[in-house]
Structure formats: C-alpha cells, structure tokens
PDBML (XML) file of the C-alpha atoms, coordinates in Angstrom:
<?xml version="1.0" encoding="UTF-8" ?>
<PDBx:datablock datablockName="MODEL"
   xmlns:PDBx="http://pdbml.pdb.org/schema/pdbx-v50.xsd"
   xmlns:xsi="http://www.w3.org/2001/XMLSchema-instance"
   xsi:schemaLocation="http://pdbml.pdb.org/schema/pdbx-v50.xsd pdbx-v50.xsd">
   <PDBx:atom_siteCategory>
      <PDBx:atom_site id="1">
         <PDBx:B_iso_or_equiv>0.00</PDBx:B_iso_or_equiv>
         <PDBx:Cartn_x>120.879</PDBx:Cartn_x>
         <PDBx:Cartn_y>115.639</PDBx:Cartn_y>
         <PDBx:Cartn_z>84.403</PDBx:Cartn_z>
         <PDBx:auth_asym_id>A</PDBx:auth_asym_id>
         <PDBx:auth_atom_id>CA</PDBx:auth_atom_id>
         <PDBx:auth_comp_id>ASN</PDBx:auth_comp_id>
         <PDBx:auth_seq_id>1</PDBx:auth_seq_id>
         <PDBx:group_PDB>ATOM</PDBx:group_PDB>
         <PDBx:label_alt_id xsi:nil="true" />
         <PDBx:label_asym_id>A</PDBx:label_asym_id>
         <PDBx:label_atom_id>CA</PDBx:label_atom_id>
         <PDBx:label_comp_id>ASN</PDBx:label_comp_id>
         <PDBx:label_entity_id>1</PDBx:label_entity_id>
         <PDBx:label_seq_id>1</PDBx:label_seq_id>
         <PDBx:occupancy>1.00</PDBx:occupancy>
         <PDBx:pdbx_PDB_model_num>1</PDBx:pdbx_PDB_model_num>
         <PDBx:type_symbol>C</PDBx:type_symbol>
      </PDBx:atom_site>
      <PDBx:atom_site id="2">
         <PDBx:B_iso_or_equiv>0.00</PDBx:B_iso_or_equiv>
         <PDBx:Cartn_x>117.333</PDBx:Cartn_x>
         <PDBx:Cartn_y>115.943</PDBx:Cartn_y>
         <PDBx:Cartn_z>83.033</PDBx:Cartn_z>
         <PDBx:auth_asym_id>A</PDBx:auth_asym_id>
         <PDBx:auth_atom_id>CA</PDBx:auth_atom_id>
         <PDBx:auth_comp_id>ARG</PDBx:auth_comp_id>
         <PDBx:auth_seq_id>2</PDBx:auth_seq_id>
         <PDBx:group_PDB>ATOM</PDBx:group_PDB>
         <PDBx:label_alt_id xsi:nil="true" />
         <PDBx:label_asym_id>A</PDBx:label_asym_id>
         <PDBx:label_atom_id>CA</PDBx:label_atom_id>
         <PDBx:label_comp_id>ARG</PDBx:label_comp_id>
         <PDBx:label_entity_id>1</PDBx:label_entity_id>
         <PDBx:label_seq_id>2</PDBx:label_seq_id>
         <PDBx:occupancy>1.00</PDBx:occupancy>
         <PDBx:pdbx_PDB_model_num>1</PDBx:pdbx_PDB_model_num>
         <PDBx:type_symbol>C</PDBx:type_symbol>
      </PDBx:atom_site>
      <PDBx:atom_site id="3">
         <PDBx:B_iso_or_equiv>0.00</PDBx:B_iso_or_equiv>
         <PDBx:Cartn_x>117.287</PDBx:Cartn_x>
         <PDBx:Cartn_y>112.285</PDBx:Cartn_y>
         <PDBx:Cartn_z>81.962</PDBx:Cartn_z>
         <PDBx:auth_asym_id>A</PDBx:auth_asym_id>
         <PDBx:auth_atom_id>CA</PDBx:auth_atom_id>
         <PDBx:auth_comp_id>GLU</PDBx:auth_comp_id>
         <PDBx:auth_seq_id>3</PDBx:auth_seq_id>
         <PDBx:group_PDB>ATOM</PDBx:group_PDB>
         <PDBx:label_alt_id xsi:nil="true" />
         <PDBx:label_asym_id>A</PDBx:label_asym_id>
         <PDBx:label_atom_id>CA</PDBx:label_atom_id>
         <PDBx:label_comp_id>GLU</PDBx:label_comp_id>
         <PDBx:label_entity_id>1</PDBx:label_entity_id>
         <PDBx:label_seq_id>3</PDBx:label_seq_id>
         <PDBx:occupancy>1.00</PDBx:occupancy>
         <PDBx:pdbx_PDB_model_num>1</PDBx:pdbx_PDB_model_num>
         <PDBx:type_symbol>C</PDBx:type_symbol>
      </PDBx:atom_site>
      <PDBx:atom_site id="4">
         <PDBx:B_iso_or_equiv>0.00</PDBx:B_iso_or_equiv>
         <PDBx:Cartn_x>118.626</PDBx:Cartn_x>
         <PDBx:Cartn_y>111.210</PDBx:Cartn_y>
         <PDBx:Cartn_z>85.345</PDBx:Cartn_z>
         <PDBx:auth_asym_id>A</PDBx:auth_asym_id>
         <PDBx:auth_atom_id>CA</PDBx:auth_atom_id>
         <PDBx:auth_comp_id>LEU</PDBx:auth_comp_id>
         <PDBx:auth_seq_id>4</PDBx:auth_seq_id>
         <PDBx:group_PDB>ATOM</PDBx:group_PDB>
         <PDBx:label_alt_id xsi:nil="true" />
         <PDBx:label_asym_id>A</PDBx:label_asym_id>
         <PDBx:label_atom_id>CA</PDBx:label_atom_id>
         <PDBx:label_comp_id>LEU</PDBx:label_comp_id>
         <PDBx:label_entity_id>1</PDBx:label_entity_id>
         <PDBx:label_seq_id>4</PDBx:label_seq_id>
         <PDBx:occupancy>1.00</PDBx:occupancy>
         <PDBx:pdbx_PDB_model_num>1</PDBx:pdbx_PDB_model_num>
         <PDBx:type_symbol>C</PDBx:type_symbol>
      </PDBx:atom_site>
      <PDBx:atom_site id="5">
         <PDBx:B_iso_or_equiv>0.00</PDBx:B_iso_or_equiv>
         <PDBx:Cartn_x>115.957</PDBx:Cartn_x>
         <PDBx:Cartn_y>113.323</PDBx:Cartn_y>
         <PDBx:Cartn_z>87.037</PDBx:Cartn_z>
         <PDBx:auth_asym_id>A</PDBx:auth_asym_id>
         <PDBx:auth_atom_id>CA</PDBx:auth_atom_id>
         <PDBx:auth_comp_id>ASP</PDBx:auth_comp_id>
         <PDBx:auth_seq_id>5</PDBx:auth_seq_id>
         <PDBx:group_PDB>ATOM</PDBx:group_PDB>
         <PDBx:label_alt_id xsi:nil="true" />
         <PDBx:label_asym_id>A</PDBx:label_asym_id>
         <PDBx:label_atom_id>CA</PDBx:label_atom_id>
         <PDBx:label_comp_id>ASP</PDBx:label_comp_id>
         <PDBx:label_entity_id>1</PDBx:label_entity_id>
         <PDBx:label_seq_id>5</PDBx:label_seq_id>
         <PDBx:occupancy>1.00</PDBx:occupancy>
         <PDBx:pdbx_PDB_model_num>1</PDBx:pdbx_PDB_model_num>
         <PDBx:type_symbol>C</PDBx:type_symbol>
      </PDBx:atom_site>
      <PDBx:atom_site id="6">
         <PDBx:B_iso_or_equiv>0.00</PDBx:B_iso_or_equiv>
         <PDBx:Cartn_x>113.301</PDBx:Cartn_x>
         <PDBx:Cartn_y>111.580</PDBx:Cartn_y>
         <PDBx:Cartn_z>84.933</PDBx:Cartn_z>
         <PDBx:auth_asym_id>A</PDBx:auth_asym_id>
         <PDBx:auth_atom_id>CA</PDBx:auth_atom_id>
         <PDBx:auth_comp_id>ASP</PDBx:auth_comp_id>
         <PDBx:auth_seq_id>6</PDBx:auth_seq_id>
         <PDBx:group_PDB>ATOM</PDBx:group_PDB>
         <PDBx:label_alt_id xsi:nil="true" />
         <PDBx:label_asym_id>A</PDBx:label_asym_id>
         <PDBx:label_atom_id>CA</PDBx:label_atom_id>
         <PDBx:label_comp_id>ASP</PDBx:label_comp_id>
         <PDBx:label_entity_id>1</PDBx:label_entity_id>
         <PDBx:label_seq_id>6</PDBx:label_seq_id>
         <PDBx:occupancy>1.00</PDBx:occupancy>
         <PDBx:pdbx_PDB_model_num>1</PDBx:pdbx_PDB_model_num>
         <PDBx:type_symbol>C</PDBx:type_symbol>
      </PDBx:atom_site>
      <PDBx:atom_site id="7">
         <PDBx:B_iso_or_equiv>0.00</PDBx:B_iso_or_equiv>
         <PDBx:Cartn_x>114.608</PDBx:Cartn_x>
         <PDBx:Cartn_y>108.301</PDBx:Cartn_y>
         <PDBx:Cartn_z>86.372</PDBx:Cartn_z>
         <PDBx:auth_asym_id>A</PDBx:auth_asym_id>
         <PDBx:auth_atom_id>CA</PDBx:auth_atom_id>
         <PDBx:auth_comp_id>LEU</PDBx:auth_comp_id>
         <PDBx:auth_seq_id>7</PDBx:auth_seq_id>
         <PDBx:group_PDB>ATOM</PDBx:group_PDB>
         <PDBx:label_alt_id xsi:nil="true" />
         <PDBx:label_asym_id>A</PDBx:label_asym_id>
         <PDBx:label_atom_id>CA</PDBx:label_atom_id>
         <PDBx:label_comp_id>LEU</PDBx:label_comp_id>
         <PDBx:label_entity_id>1</PDBx:label_entity_id>
         <PDBx:label_seq_id>7</PDBx:label_seq_id>
         <PDBx:occupancy>1.00</PDBx:occupancy>
         <PDBx:pdbx_PDB_model_num>1</PDBx:pdbx_PDB_model_num>
         <PDBx:type_symbol>C</PDBx:type_symbol>
      </PDBx:atom_site>
      <PDBx:atom_site id="8">
         <PDBx:B_iso_or_equiv>0.00</PDBx:B_iso_or_equiv>
         <PDBx:Cartn_x>114.496</PDBx:Cartn_x>
         <PDBx:Cartn_y>109.737</PDBx:Cartn_y>
         <PDBx:Cartn_z>89.884</PDBx:Cartn_z>
         <PDBx:auth_asym_id>A</PDBx:auth_asym_id>
         <PDBx:auth_atom_id>CA</PDBx:auth_atom_id>
         <PDBx:auth_comp_id>GLY</PDBx:auth_comp_id>
         <PDBx:auth_seq_id>8</PDBx:auth_seq_id>
         <PDBx:group_PDB>ATOM</PDBx:group_PDB>
         <PDBx:label_alt_id xsi:nil="true" />
         <PDBx:label_asym_id>A</PDBx:label_asym_id>
         <PDBx:label_atom_id>CA</PDBx:label_atom_id>
         <PDBx:label_comp_id>GLY</PDBx:label_comp_id>
         <PDBx:label_entity_id>1</PDBx:label_entity_id>
         <PDBx:label_seq_id>8</PDBx:label_seq_id>
         <PDBx:occupancy>1.00</PDBx:occupancy>
         <PDBx:pdbx_PDB_model_num>1</PDBx:pdbx_PDB_model_num>
         <PDBx:type_symbol>C</PDBx:type_symbol>
      </PDBx:atom_site>
      <PDBx:atom_site id="9">
         <PDBx:B_iso_or_equiv>0.00</PDBx:B_iso_or_equiv>
         <PDBx:Cartn_x>118.291</PDBx:Cartn_x>
         <PDBx:Cartn_y>109.781</PDBx:Cartn_y>
         <PDBx:Cartn_z>90.197</PDBx:Cartn_z>
         <PDBx:auth_asym_id>A</PDBx:auth_asym_id>
         <PDBx:auth_atom_id>CA</PDBx:auth_atom_id>
         <PDBx:auth_comp_id>LEU</PDBx:auth_comp_id>
         <PDBx:auth_seq_id>9</PDBx:auth_seq_id>
         <PDBx:group_PDB>ATOM</PDBx:group_PDB>
         <PDBx:label_alt_id xsi:nil="true" />
         <PDBx:label_asym_id>A</PDBx:label_asym_id>
         <PDBx:label_atom_id>CA</PDBx:label_atom_id>
         <PDBx:label_comp_id>LEU</PDBx:label_comp_id>
         <PDBx:label_entity_id>1</PDBx:label_entity_id>
         <PDBx:label_seq_id>9</PDBx:label_seq_id>
         <PDBx:occupancy>1.00</PDBx:occupancy>
         <PDBx:pdbx_PDB_model_num>1</PDBx:pdbx_PDB_model_num>
         <PDBx:type_symbol>C</PDBx:type_symbol>
      </PDBx:atom_site>
      <PDBx:atom_site id="10">
         <PDBx:B_iso_or_equiv>0.00</PDBx:B_iso_or_equiv>
         <PDBx:Cartn_x>120.909</PDBx:Cartn_x>
         <PDBx:Cartn_y>112.397</PDBx:Cartn_y>
         <PDBx:Cartn_z>90.803</PDBx:Cartn_z>
         <PDBx:auth_asym_id>A</PDBx:auth_asym_id>
         <PDBx:auth_atom_id>CA</PDBx:auth_atom_id>
         <PDBx:auth_comp_id>SER</PDBx:auth_comp_id>
         <PDBx:auth_seq_id>10</PDBx:auth_seq_id>
         <PDBx:group_PDB>ATOM</PDBx:group_PDB>
         <PDBx:label_alt_id xsi:nil="true" />
         <PDBx:label_asym_id>A</PDBx:label_asym_id>
         <PDBx:label_atom_id>CA</PDBx:label_atom_id>
         <PDBx:label_comp_id>SER</PDBx:label_comp_id>
         <PDBx:label_entity_id>1</PDBx:label_entity_id>
         <PDBx:label_seq_id>10</PDBx:label_seq_id>
         <PDBx:occupancy>1.00</PDBx:occupancy>
         <PDBx:pdbx_PDB_model_num>1</PDBx:pdbx_PDB_model_num>
         <PDBx:type_symbol>C</PDBx:type_symbol>
      </PDBx:atom_site>
      <PDBx:atom_site id="11">
         <PDBx:B_iso_or_equiv>0.00</PDBx:B_iso_or_equiv>
         <PDBx:Cartn_x>124.437</PDBx:Cartn_x>
         <PDBx:Cartn_y>112.234</PDBx:Cartn_y>
         <PDBx:Cartn_z>89.452</PDBx:Cartn_z>
         <PDBx:auth_asym_id>A</PDBx:auth_asym_id>
         <PDBx:auth_atom_id>CA</PDBx:auth_atom_id>
         <PDBx:auth_comp_id>ARG</PDBx:auth_comp_id>
         <PDBx:auth_seq_id>11</PDBx:auth_seq_id>
         <PDBx:group_PDB>ATOM</PDBx:group_PDB>
         <PDBx:label_alt_id xsi:nil="true" />
         <PDBx:label_asym_id>A</PDBx:label_asym_id>
         <PDBx:label_atom_id>CA</PDBx:label_atom_id>
         <PDBx:label_comp_id>ARG</PDBx:label_comp_id>
         <PDBx:label_entity_id>1</PDBx:label_entity_id>
         <PDBx:label_seq_id>11</PDBx:label_seq_id>
         <PDBx:occupancy>1.00</PDBx:occupancy>
         <PDBx:pdbx_PDB_model_num>1</PDBx:pdbx_PDB_model_num>
         <PDBx:type_symbol>C</PDBx:type_symbol>
      </PDBx:atom_site>
      <PDBx:atom_site id="12">
         <PDBx:B_iso_or_equiv>0.00</PDBx:B_iso_or_equiv>
         <PDBx:Cartn_x>125.750</PDBx:Cartn_x>
         <PDBx:Cartn_y>111.569</PDBx:Cartn_y>
         <PDBx:Cartn_z>92.971</PDBx:Cartn_z>
         <PDBx:auth_asym_id>A</PDBx:auth_asym_id>
         <PDBx:auth_atom_id>CA</PDBx:auth_atom_id>
         <PDBx:auth_comp_id>SER</PDBx:auth_comp_id>
         <PDBx:auth_seq_id>12</PDBx:auth_seq_id>
         <PDBx:group_PDB>ATOM</PDBx:group_PDB>
         <PDBx:label_alt_id xsi:nil="true" />
         <PDBx:label_asym_id>A</PDBx:label_asym_id>
         <PDBx:label_atom_id>CA</PDBx:label_atom_id>
         <PDBx:label_comp_id>SER</PDBx:label_comp_id>
         <PDBx:label_entity_id>1</PDBx:label_entity_id>
         <PDBx:label_seq_id>12</PDBx:label_seq_id>
         <PDBx:occupancy>1.00</PDBx:occupancy>
         <PDBx:pdbx_PDB_model_num>1</PDBx:pdbx_PDB_model_num>
         <PDBx:type_symbol>C</PDBx:type_symbol>
      </PDBx:atom_site>
      <PDBx:atom_site id="13">
         <PDBx:B_iso_or_equiv>0.00</PDBx:B_iso_or_equiv>
         <PDBx:Cartn_x>123.709</PDBx:Cartn_x>
         <PDBx:Cartn_y>108.341</PDBx:Cartn_y>
         <PDBx:Cartn_z>93.161</PDBx:Cartn_z>
         <PDBx:auth_asym_id>A</PDBx:auth_asym_id>
         <PDBx:auth_atom_id>CA</PDBx:auth_atom_id>
         <PDBx:auth_comp_id>GLU</PDBx:auth_comp_id>
         <PDBx:auth_seq_id>13</PDBx:auth_seq_id>
         <PDBx:group_PDB>ATOM</PDBx:group_PDB>
         <PDBx:label_alt_id xsi:nil="true" />
         <PDBx:label_asym_id>A</PDBx:label_asym_id>
         <PDBx:label_atom_id>CA</PDBx:label_atom_id>
         <PDBx:label_comp_id>GLU</PDBx:label_comp_id>
         <PDBx:label_entity_id>1</PDBx:label_entity_id>
         <PDBx:label_seq_id>13</PDBx:label_seq_id>
         <PDBx:occupancy>1.00</PDBx:occupancy>
         <PDBx:pdbx_PDB_model_num>1</PDBx:pdbx_PDB_model_num>
         <PDBx:type_symbol>C</PDBx:type_symbol>
      </PDBx:atom_site>
      <PDBx:atom_site id="14">
         <PDBx:B_iso_or_equiv>0.00</PDBx:B_iso_or_equiv>
         <PDBx:Cartn_x>125.192</PDBx:Cartn_x>
         <PDBx:Cartn_y>106.724</PDBx:Cartn_y>
         <PDBx:Cartn_z>90.053</PDBx:Cartn_z>
         <PDBx:auth_asym_id>A</PDBx:auth_asym_id>
         <PDBx:auth_atom_id>CA</PDBx:auth_atom_id>
         <PDBx:auth_comp_id>ILE</PDBx:auth_comp_id>
         <PDBx:auth_seq_id>14</PDBx:auth_seq_id>
         <PDBx:group_PDB>ATOM</PDBx:group_PDB>
         <PDBx:label_alt_id xsi:nil="true" />
         <PDBx:label_asym_id>A</PDBx:label_asym_id>
         <PDBx:label_atom_id>CA</PDBx:label_atom_id>
         <PDBx:label_comp_id>ILE</PDBx:label_comp_id>
         <PDBx:label_entity_id>1</PDBx:label_entity_id>
         <PDBx:label_seq_id>14</PDBx:label_seq_id>
         <PDBx:occupancy>1.00</PDBx:occupancy>
         <PDBx:pdbx_PDB_model_num>1</PDBx:pdbx_PDB_model_num>
         <PDBx:type_symbol>C</PDBx:type_symbol>
      </PDBx:atom_site>
      <PDBx:atom_site id="15">
         <PDBx:B_iso_or_equiv>0.00</PDBx:B_iso_or_equiv>
         <PDBx:Cartn_x>127.882</PDBx:Cartn_x>
         <PDBx:Cartn_y>104.708</PDBx:Cartn_y>
         <PDBx:Cartn_z>91.853</PDBx:Cartn_z>
         <PDBx:auth_asym_id>A</PDBx:auth_asym_id>
         <PDBx:auth_atom_id>CA</PDBx:auth_atom_id>
         <PDBx:auth_comp_id>GLU</PDBx:auth_comp_id>
         <PDBx:auth_seq_id>15</PDBx:auth_seq_id>
         <PDBx:group_PDB>ATOM</PDBx:group_PDB>
         <PDBx:label_alt_id xsi:nil="true" />
         <PDBx:label_asym_id>A</PDBx:label_asym_id>
         <PDBx:label_atom_id>CA</PDBx:label_atom_id>
         <PDBx:label_comp_id>GLU</PDBx:label_comp_id>
         <PDBx:label_entity_id>1</PDBx:label_entity_id>
         <PDBx:label_seq_id>15</PDBx:label_seq_id>
         <PDBx:occupancy>1.00</PDBx:occupancy>
         <PDBx:pdbx_PDB_model_num>1</PDBx:pdbx_PDB_model_num>
         <PDBx:type_symbol>C</PDBx:type_symbol>
      </PDBx:atom_site>
      <PDBx:atom_site id="16">
         <PDBx:B_iso_or_equiv>0.00</PDBx:B_iso_or_equiv>
         <PDBx:Cartn_x>125.426</PDBx:Cartn_x>
         <PDBx:Cartn_y>103.498</PDBx:Cartn_y>
         <PDBx:Cartn_z>94.504</PDBx:Cartn_z>
         <PDBx:auth_asym_id>A</PDBx:auth_asym_id>
         <PDBx:auth_atom_id>CA</PDBx:auth_atom_id>
         <PDBx:auth_comp_id>PHE</PDBx:auth_comp_id>
         <PDBx:auth_seq_id>16</PDBx:auth_seq_id>
         <PDBx:group_PDB>ATOM</PDBx:group_PDB>
         <PDBx:label_alt_id xsi:nil="true" />
         <PDBx:label_asym_id>A</PDBx:label_asym_id>
         <PDBx:label_atom_id>CA</PDBx:label_atom_id>
         <PDBx:label_comp_id>PHE</PDBx:label_comp_id>
         <PDBx:label_entity_id>1</PDBx:label_entity_id>
         <PDBx:label_seq_id>16</PDBx:label_seq_id>
         <PDBx:occupancy>1.00</PDBx:occupancy>
         <PDBx:pdbx_PDB_model_num>1</PDBx:pdbx_PDB_model_num>
         <PDBx:type_symbol>C</PDBx:type_symbol>
      </PDBx:atom_site>
      <PDBx:atom_site id="17">
         <PDBx:B_iso_or_equiv>0.00</PDBx:B_iso_or_equiv>
         <PDBx:Cartn_x>122.930</PDBx:Cartn_x>
         <PDBx:Cartn_y>102.373</PDBx:Cartn_y>
         <PDBx:Cartn_z>91.861</PDBx:Cartn_z>
         <PDBx:auth_asym_id>A</PDBx:auth_asym_id>
         <PDBx:auth_atom_id>CA</PDBx:auth_atom_id>
         <PDBx:auth_comp_id>VAL</PDBx:auth_comp_id>
         <PDBx:auth_seq_id>17</PDBx:auth_seq_id>
         <PDBx:group_PDB>ATOM</PDBx:group_PDB>
         <PDBx:label_alt_id xsi:nil="true" />
         <PDBx:label_asym_id>A</PDBx:label_asym_id>
         <PDBx:label_atom_id>CA</PDBx:label_atom_id>
         <PDBx:label_comp_id>VAL</PDBx:label_comp_id>
         <PDBx:label_entity_id>1</PDBx:label_entity_id>
         <PDBx:label_seq_id>17</PDBx:label_seq_id>
         <PDBx:occupancy>1.00</PDBx:occupancy>
         <PDBx:pdbx_PDB_model_num>1</PDBx:pdbx_PDB_model_num>
         <PDBx:type_symbol>C</PDBx:type_symbol>
      </PDBx:atom_site>
      <PDBx:atom_site id="18">
         <PDBx:B_iso_or_equiv>0.00</PDBx:B_iso_or_equiv>
         <PDBx:Cartn_x>125.705</PDBx:Cartn_x>
         <PDBx:Cartn_y>100.686</PDBx:Cartn_y>
         <PDBx:Cartn_z>89.867</PDBx:Cartn_z>
         <PDBx:auth_asym_id>A</PDBx:auth_asym_id>
         <PDBx:auth_atom_id>CA</PDBx:auth_atom_id>
         <PDBx:auth_comp_id>ALA</PDBx:auth_comp_id>
         <PDBx:auth_seq_id>18</PDBx:auth_seq_id>
         <PDBx:group_PDB>ATOM</PDBx:group_PDB>
         <PDBx:label_alt_id xsi:nil="true" />
         <PDBx:label_asym_id>A</PDBx:label_asym_id>
         <PDBx:label_atom_id>CA</PDBx:label_atom_id>
         <PDBx:label_comp_id>ALA</PDBx:label_comp_id>
         <PDBx:label_entity_id>1</PDBx:label_entity_id>
         <PDBx:label_seq_id>18</PDBx:label_seq_id>
         <PDBx:occupancy>1.00</PDBx:occupancy>
         <PDBx:pdbx_PDB_model_num>1</PDBx:pdbx_PDB_model_num>
         <PDBx:type_symbol>C</PDBx:type_symbol>
      </PDBx:atom_site>
      <PDBx:atom_site id="19">
         <PDBx:B_iso_or_equiv>0.00</PDBx:B_iso_or_equiv>
         <PDBx:Cartn_x>126.941</PDBx:Cartn_x>
         <PDBx:Cartn_y>98.809</PDBx:Cartn_y>
         <PDBx:Cartn_z>92.950</PDBx:Cartn_z>
         <PDBx:auth_asym_id>A</PDBx:auth_asym_id>
         <PDBx:auth_atom_id>CA</PDBx:auth_atom_id>
         <PDBx:auth_comp_id>ARG</PDBx:auth_comp_id>
         <PDBx:auth_seq_id>19</PDBx:auth_seq_id>
         <PDBx:group_PDB>ATOM</PDBx:group_PDB>
         <PDBx:label_alt_id xsi:nil="true" />
         <PDBx:label_asym_id>A</PDBx:label_asym_id>
         <PDBx:label_atom_id>CA</PDBx:label_atom_id>
         <PDBx:label_comp_id>ARG</PDBx:label_comp_id>
         <PDBx:label_entity_id>1</PDBx:label_entity_id>
         <PDBx:label_seq_id>19</PDBx:label_seq_id>
         <PDBx:occupancy>1.00</PDBx:occupancy>
         <PDBx:pdbx_PDB_model_num>1</PDBx:pdbx_PDB_model_num>
         <PDBx:type_symbol>C</PDBx:type_symbol>
      </PDBx:atom_site>
      <PDBx:atom_site id="20">
         <PDBx:B_iso_or_equiv>0.00</PDBx:B_iso_or_equiv>
         <PDBx:Cartn_x>123.397</PDBx:Cartn_x>
         <PDBx:Cartn_y>97.666</PDBx:Cartn_y>
         <PDBx:Cartn_z>93.721</PDBx:Cartn_z>
         <PDBx:auth_asym_id>A</PDBx:auth_asym_id>
         <PDBx:auth_atom_id>CA</PDBx:auth_atom_id>
         <PDBx:auth_comp_id>SER</PDBx:auth_comp_id>
         <PDBx:auth_seq_id>20</PDBx:auth_seq_id>
         <PDBx:group_PDB>ATOM</PDBx:group_PDB>
         <PDBx:label_alt_id xsi:nil="true" />
         <PDBx:label_asym_id>A</PDBx:label_asym_id>
         <PDBx:label_atom_id>CA</PDBx:label_atom_id>
         <PDBx:label_comp_id>SER</PDBx:label_comp_id>
         <PDBx:label_entity_id>1</PDBx:label_entity_id>
         <PDBx:label_seq_id>20</PDBx:label_seq_id>
         <PDBx:occupancy>1.00</PDBx:occupancy>
         <PDBx:pdbx_PDB_model_num>1</PDBx:pdbx_PDB_model_num>
         <PDBx:type_symbol>C</PDBx:type_symbol>
      </PDBx:atom_site>
      <PDBx:atom_site id="21">
         <PDBx:B_iso_or_equiv>0.00</PDBx:B_iso_or_equiv>
         <PDBx:Cartn_x>122.897</PDBx:Cartn_x>
         <PDBx:Cartn_y>96.530</PDBx:Cartn_y>
         <PDBx:Cartn_z>90.136</PDBx:Cartn_z>
         <PDBx:auth_asym_id>A</PDBx:auth_asym_id>
         <PDBx:auth_atom_id>CA</PDBx:auth_atom_id>
         <PDBx:auth_comp_id>HIS</PDBx:auth_comp_id>
         <PDBx:auth_seq_id>21</PDBx:auth_seq_id>
         <PDBx:group_PDB>ATOM</PDBx:group_PDB>
         <PDBx:label_alt_id xsi:nil="true" />
         <PDBx:label_asym_id>A</PDBx:label_asym_id>
         <PDBx:label_atom_id>CA</PDBx:label_atom_id>
         <PDBx:label_comp_id>HIS</PDBx:label_comp_id>
         <PDBx:label_entity_id>1</PDBx:label_entity_id>
         <PDBx:label_seq_id>21</PDBx:label_seq_id>
         <PDBx:occupancy>1.00</PDBx:occupancy>
         <PDBx:pdbx_PDB_model_num>1</PDBx:pdbx_PDB_model_num>
         <PDBx:type_symbol>C</PDBx:type_symbol>
      </PDBx:atom_site>
      <PDBx:atom_site id="22">
         <PDBx:B_iso_or_equiv>0.00</PDBx:B_iso_or_equiv>
         <PDBx:Cartn_x>126.208</PDBx:Cartn_x>
         <PDBx:Cartn_y>94.662</PDBx:Cartn_y>
         <PDBx:Cartn_z>90.042</PDBx:Cartn_z>
         <PDBx:auth_asym_id>A</PDBx:auth_asym_id>
         <PDBx:auth_atom_id>CA</PDBx:auth_atom_id>
         <PDBx:auth_comp_id>ALA</PDBx:auth_comp_id>
         <PDBx:auth_seq_id>22</PDBx:auth_seq_id>
         <PDBx:group_PDB>ATOM</PDBx:group_PDB>
         <PDBx:label_alt_id xsi:nil="true" />
         <PDBx:label_asym_id>A</PDBx:label_asym_id>
         <PDBx:label_atom_id>CA</PDBx:label_atom_id>
         <PDBx:label_comp_id>ALA</PDBx:label_comp_id>
         <PDBx:label_entity_id>1</PDBx:label_entity_id>
         <PDBx:label_seq_id>22</PDBx:label_seq_id>
         <PDBx:occupancy>1.00</PDBx:occupancy>
         <PDBx:pdbx_PDB_model_num>1</PDBx:pdbx_PDB_model_num>
         <PDBx:type_symbol>C</PDBx:type_symbol>
      </PDBx:atom_site>
      <PDBx:atom_site id="23">
         <PDBx:B_iso_or_equiv>0.00</PDBx:B_iso_or_equiv>
         <PDBx:Cartn_x>125.379</PDBx:Cartn_x>
         <PDBx:Cartn_y>92.814</PDBx:Cartn_y>
         <PDBx:Cartn_z>93.255</PDBx:Cartn_z>
         <PDBx:auth_asym_id>A</PDBx:auth_asym_id>
         <PDBx:auth_atom_id>CA</PDBx:auth_atom_id>
         <PDBx:auth_comp_id>ALA</PDBx:auth_comp_id>
         <PDBx:auth_seq_id>23</PDBx:auth_seq_id>
         <PDBx:group_PDB>ATOM</PDBx:group_PDB>
         <PDBx:label_alt_id xsi:nil="true" />
         <PDBx:label_asym_id>A</PDBx:label_asym_id>
         <PDBx:label_atom_id>CA</PDBx:label_atom_id>
         <PDBx:label_comp_id>ALA</PDBx:label_comp_id>
         <PDBx:label_entity_id>1</PDBx:label_entity_id>
         <PDBx:label_seq_id>23</PDBx:label_seq_id>
         <PDBx:occupancy>1.00</PDBx:occupancy>
         <PDBx:pdbx_PDB_model_num>1</PDBx:pdbx_PDB_model_num>
         <PDBx:type_symbol>C</PDBx:type_symbol>
      </PDBx:atom_site>
      <PDBx:atom_site id="24">
         <PDBx:B_iso_or_equiv>0.00</PDBx:B_iso_or_equiv>
         <PDBx:Cartn_x>122.052</PDBx:Cartn_x>
         <PDBx:Cartn_y>91.572</PDBx:Cartn_y>
         <PDBx:Cartn_z>91.880</PDBx:Cartn_z>
         <PDBx:auth_asym_id>A</PDBx:auth_asym_id>
         <PDBx:auth_atom_id>CA</PDBx:auth_atom_id>
         <PDBx:auth_comp_id>ALA</PDBx:auth_comp_id>
         <PDBx:auth_seq_id>24</PDBx:auth_seq_id>
         <PDBx:group_PDB>ATOM</PDBx:group_PDB>
         <PDBx:label_alt_id xsi:nil="true" />
         <PDBx:label_asym_id>A</PDBx:label_asym_id>
         <PDBx:label_atom_id>CA</PDBx:label_atom_id>
         <PDBx:label_comp_id>ALA</PDBx:label_comp_id>
         <PDBx:label_entity_id>1</PDBx:label_entity_id>
         <PDBx:label_seq_id>24</PDBx:label_seq_id>
         <PDBx:occupancy>1.00</PDBx:occupancy>
         <PDBx:pdbx_PDB_model_num>1</PDBx:pdbx_PDB_model_num>
         <PDBx:type_symbol>C</PDBx:type_symbol>
      </PDBx:atom_site>
   </PDBx:atom_siteCategory>
</PDBx:datablock>
C-alpha cells in the first residue's frame, strides 16, 4: 500500500489503471 501511495494510486484503482494501460 505504501508503494502504491508513492505512485499516487490506491488498491481500488489497480483495475482501472490496468485497463487504461492495456488500451494504450
């Protein structure tokens, strides 16, 4: 959670970020 926070992400955003990355 600390590493995700350093990236400006929360655990609940992982799937959204992954979908955005896959679409790129």
